[in-house]
Amino acid sequence: MPIVHIEAKRHKRCNIKAALKQAIEDANVNGKIPVAITRDDRAEILVTMRLDDWIEMFNSFVHVNEKVTKKKK
């Protein structure tokens, strides 16, 4: 995905805040939205991002889907 910078971590017990902090620092360099994807051993995968970034992505998604829906009508 060209708009996001993904920091992926897998450990016995991941430090989600540290992973997100690293994603934020790296994303500041390349202008992308920081996302941390983490997984503890034998656990579900978690996706973590800042709320403001999530809202921005969600609004873009809604805007694109509205355009597609209008074209289909």
N, C-alpha and C. Protein backbone atom coordinates (compact mmCIF):
# COMPACT_ATOMS: atom_id res chain seq x y z
N MET A 1 0.85 -1.18 0.00
CA MET A 1 0.00 0.00 0.00
C MET A 1 0.90 1.25 0.00
N PRO A 2 0.78 2.06 -0.98
CA PRO A 2 1.67 3.21 -1.08
C PRO A 2 1.40 4.32 -0.08
N ILE A 3 0.23 4.35 0.57
CA ILE A 3 -0.07 5.46 1.48
C ILE A 3 0.27 5.16 2.93
N VAL A 4 0.65 3.94 3.24
CA VAL A 4 0.94 3.59 4.64
C VAL A 4 2.38 3.09 4.78
N HIS A 5 2.93 3.34 5.95
CA HIS A 5 4.21 2.75 6.32
C HIS A 5 3.91 1.71 7.39
N ILE A 6 4.24 0.47 7.11
CA ILE A 6 3.93 -0.62 8.03
C ILE A 6 5.18 -1.03 8.80
N GLU A 7 5.03 -1.08 10.11
CA GLU A 7 6.07 -1.61 10.99
C GLU A 7 5.52 -2.92 11.54
N ALA A 8 6.14 -4.03 11.19
CA ALA A 8 5.64 -5.35 11.60
C ALA A 8 6.57 -5.96 12.64
N LYS A 9 5.97 -6.48 13.71
CA LYS A 9 6.73 -7.09 14.80
C LYS A 9 6.06 -8.39 15.24
N ARG A 10 6.87 -9.39 15.55
CA ARG A 10 6.36 -10.63 16.14
C ARG A 10 7.35 -11.08 17.20
N HIS A 11 6.84 -11.19 18.41
CA HIS A 11 7.67 -11.57 19.55
C HIS A 11 6.83 -12.38 20.53
N LYS A 12 7.49 -12.85 21.58
CA LYS A 12 6.76 -13.52 22.64
C LYS A 12 5.72 -12.58 23.22
N ARG A 13 6.13 -11.33 23.43
CA ARG A 13 5.21 -10.28 23.91
C ARG A 13 5.63 -8.96 23.28
N CYS A 14 4.87 -8.50 22.29
CA CYS A 14 5.21 -7.29 21.55
C CYS A 14 4.93 -6.03 22.36
N ASN A 15 5.77 -5.05 22.14
CA ASN A 15 5.56 -3.73 22.72
C ASN A 15 4.87 -2.90 21.63
N ILE A 16 3.54 -2.84 21.69
CA ILE A 16 2.75 -2.20 20.65
C ILE A 16 3.09 -0.71 20.54
N LYS A 17 3.23 -0.04 21.69
CA LYS A 17 3.53 1.39 21.66
C LYS A 17 4.89 1.66 21.03
N ALA A 18 5.87 0.83 21.31
CA ALA A 18 7.19 1.01 20.71
C ALA A 18 7.14 0.76 19.20
N ALA A 19 6.39 -0.23 18.79
CA ALA A 19 6.25 -0.50 17.35
C ALA A 19 5.57 0.67 16.64
N LEU A 20 4.52 1.22 17.25
CA LEU A 20 3.85 2.37 16.64
C LEU A 20 4.76 3.59 16.64
N LYS A 21 5.52 3.79 17.70
CA LYS A 21 6.46 4.92 17.75
C LYS A 21 7.47 4.81 16.62
N GLN A 22 7.99 3.62 16.39
CA GLN A 22 8.95 3.42 15.30
C GLN A 22 8.28 3.67 13.95
N ALA A 23 7.03 3.20 13.78
CA ALA A 23 6.30 3.44 12.53
C ALA A 23 6.10 4.93 12.30
N ILE A 24 5.77 5.67 13.37
CA ILE A 24 5.57 7.12 13.27
C ILE A 24 6.86 7.81 12.85
N GLU A 25 7.97 7.44 13.48
CA GLU A 25 9.25 8.06 13.15
C GLU A 25 9.63 7.78 11.70
N ASP A 26 9.46 6.55 11.25
CA ASP A 26 9.79 6.19 9.87
C ASP A 26 8.84 6.85 8.88
N ALA A 27 7.57 6.93 9.23
CA ALA A 27 6.58 7.53 8.34
C ALA A 27 6.80 9.02 8.19
N ASN A 28 7.33 9.67 9.21
CA ASN A 28 7.61 11.10 9.12
C ASN A 28 8.63 11.40 8.02
N VAL A 29 9.51 10.45 7.77
CA VAL A 29 10.54 10.61 6.73
C VAL A 29 9.92 10.47 5.34
N ASN A 30 8.99 9.54 5.17
CA ASN A 30 8.46 9.27 3.84
C ASN A 30 7.04 9.81 3.61
N GLY A 31 6.46 10.48 4.61
CA GLY A 31 5.16 11.12 4.43
C GLY A 31 3.98 10.18 4.34
N LYS A 32 4.13 8.99 4.86
CA LYS A 32 3.05 8.01 4.82
C LYS A 32 2.35 7.91 6.17
N ILE A 33 1.24 7.20 6.21
CA ILE A 33 0.49 6.98 7.45
C ILE A 33 1.12 5.82 8.20
N PRO A 34 1.51 6.03 9.46
CA PRO A 34 2.16 4.96 10.23
C PRO A 34 1.16 3.91 10.75
N VAL A 35 1.52 2.64 10.56
CA VAL A 35 0.69 1.53 11.02
C VAL A 35 1.62 0.49 11.63
N ALA A 36 1.28 0.02 12.83
CA ALA A 36 2.03 -1.06 13.47
C ALA A 36 1.20 -2.33 13.42
N ILE A 37 1.79 -3.40 12.89
CA ILE A 37 1.13 -4.70 12.87
C ILE A 37 1.96 -5.60 13.77
N THR A 38 1.34 -6.10 14.84
CA THR A 38 2.07 -6.89 15.84
C THR A 38 1.36 -8.21 16.11
N ARG A 39 2.18 -9.16 16.53
CA ARG A 39 1.61 -10.46 16.92
C ARG A 39 2.45 -11.07 18.02
N ASP A 40 1.80 -11.31 19.15
CA ASP A 40 2.45 -12.09 20.20
C ASP A 40 2.39 -13.56 19.79
N ASP A 41 3.31 -14.35 20.32
CA ASP A 41 3.27 -15.79 20.04
C ASP A 41 1.91 -16.38 20.42
N ARG A 42 1.36 -17.19 19.55
CA ARG A 42 0.08 -17.88 19.74
C ARG A 42 -1.07 -16.90 20.05
N ALA A 43 -1.05 -15.76 19.38
CA ALA A 43 -2.10 -14.76 19.59
C ALA A 43 -2.53 -14.19 18.24
N GLU A 44 -3.62 -13.44 18.28
CA GLU A 44 -4.13 -12.80 17.08
C GLU A 44 -3.21 -11.66 16.64
N ILE A 45 -3.28 -11.36 15.36
CA ILE A 45 -2.54 -10.23 14.82
C ILE A 45 -3.32 -8.96 15.12
N LEU A 46 -2.61 -7.92 15.58
CA LEU A 46 -3.22 -6.64 15.88
C LEU A 46 -2.69 -5.57 14.94
N VAL A 47 -3.58 -4.68 14.55
CA VAL A 47 -3.21 -3.52 13.74
C VAL A 47 -3.46 -2.29 14.59
N THR A 48 -2.44 -1.45 14.74
CA THR A 48 -2.53 -0.28 15.60
C THR A 48 -2.14 0.96 14.81
N MET A 49 -2.95 2.01 14.97
CA MET A 49 -2.63 3.28 14.34
C MET A 49 -3.28 4.40 15.12
N ARG A 50 -2.86 5.64 14.86
CA ARG A 50 -3.45 6.78 15.53
C ARG A 50 -4.87 7.01 15.00
N LEU A 51 -5.75 7.47 15.88
CA LEU A 51 -7.15 7.68 15.51
C LEU A 51 -7.28 8.68 14.37
N ASP A 52 -6.56 9.78 14.43
CA ASP A 52 -6.64 10.78 13.36
C ASP A 52 -6.26 10.19 12.00
N ASP A 53 -5.24 9.32 11.99
CA ASP A 53 -4.85 8.67 10.74
C ASP A 53 -5.92 7.70 10.26
N TRP A 54 -6.53 6.97 11.20
CA TRP A 54 -7.60 6.04 10.84
C TRP A 54 -8.79 6.80 10.24
N ILE A 55 -9.15 7.92 10.84
CA ILE A 55 -10.27 8.73 10.33
C ILE A 55 -9.95 9.22 8.93
N GLU A 56 -8.72 9.66 8.70
CA GLU A 56 -8.31 10.12 7.37
C GLU A 56 -8.45 8.99 6.34
N MET A 57 -7.97 7.80 6.69
CA MET A 57 -8.09 6.66 5.77
C MET A 57 -9.55 6.28 5.55
N PHE A 58 -10.33 6.27 6.60
CA PHE A 58 -11.74 5.90 6.49
C PHE A 58 -12.49 6.89 5.61
N ASN A 59 -12.24 8.18 5.81
CA ASN A 59 -12.90 9.20 4.99
C ASN A 59 -12.52 9.05 3.52
N SER A 60 -11.27 8.72 3.23
CA SER A 60 -10.84 8.48 1.85
C SER A 60 -11.57 7.28 1.27
N PHE A 61 -11.70 6.22 2.06
CA PHE A 61 -12.40 5.02 1.64
C PHE A 61 -13.86 5.34 1.30
N VAL A 62 -14.52 6.09 2.18
CA VAL A 62 -15.92 6.46 1.96
C VAL A 62 -16.05 7.30 0.70
N HIS A 63 -15.15 8.25 0.52
CA HIS A 63 -15.20 9.12 -0.65
C HIS A 63 -15.06 8.31 -1.95
N VAL A 64 -14.11 7.39 -1.98
CA VAL A 64 -13.90 6.55 -3.17
C VAL A 64 -15.13 5.68 -3.42
N ASN A 65 -15.69 5.09 -2.38
CA ASN A 65 -16.86 4.23 -2.55
C ASN A 65 -18.08 5.02 -3.01
N GLU A 66 -18.21 6.25 -2.57
CA GLU A 66 -19.32 7.08 -3.04
C GLU A 66 -19.19 7.34 -4.54
N LYS A 67 -17.98 7.58 -5.01
CA LYS A 67 -17.75 7.78 -6.44
C LYS A 67 -18.10 6.53 -7.23
N VAL A 68 -17.67 5.38 -6.74
CA VAL A 68 -17.94 4.11 -7.42
C VAL A 68 -19.43 3.83 -7.44
N THR A 69 -20.11 4.07 -6.34
CA THR A 69 -21.56 3.84 -6.25
C THR A 69 -22.31 4.74 -7.20
N LYS A 70 -21.91 5.99 -7.31
CA LYS A 70 -22.57 6.93 -8.22
C LYS A 70 -22.38 6.52 -9.67
N LYS A 71 -21.19 6.00 -10.02
CA LYS A 71 -20.93 5.56 -11.40
C LYS A 71 -21.79 4.36 -11.76
N LYS A 72 -22.10 3.49 -10.81
CA LYS A 72 -22.88 2.28 -11.08
C LYS A 72 -24.35 2.59 -11.32
N LYS A 73 -24.82 3.74 -10.84
CA LYS A 73 -26.24 4.07 -10.97
C LYS A 73 -26.60 4.55 -12.34
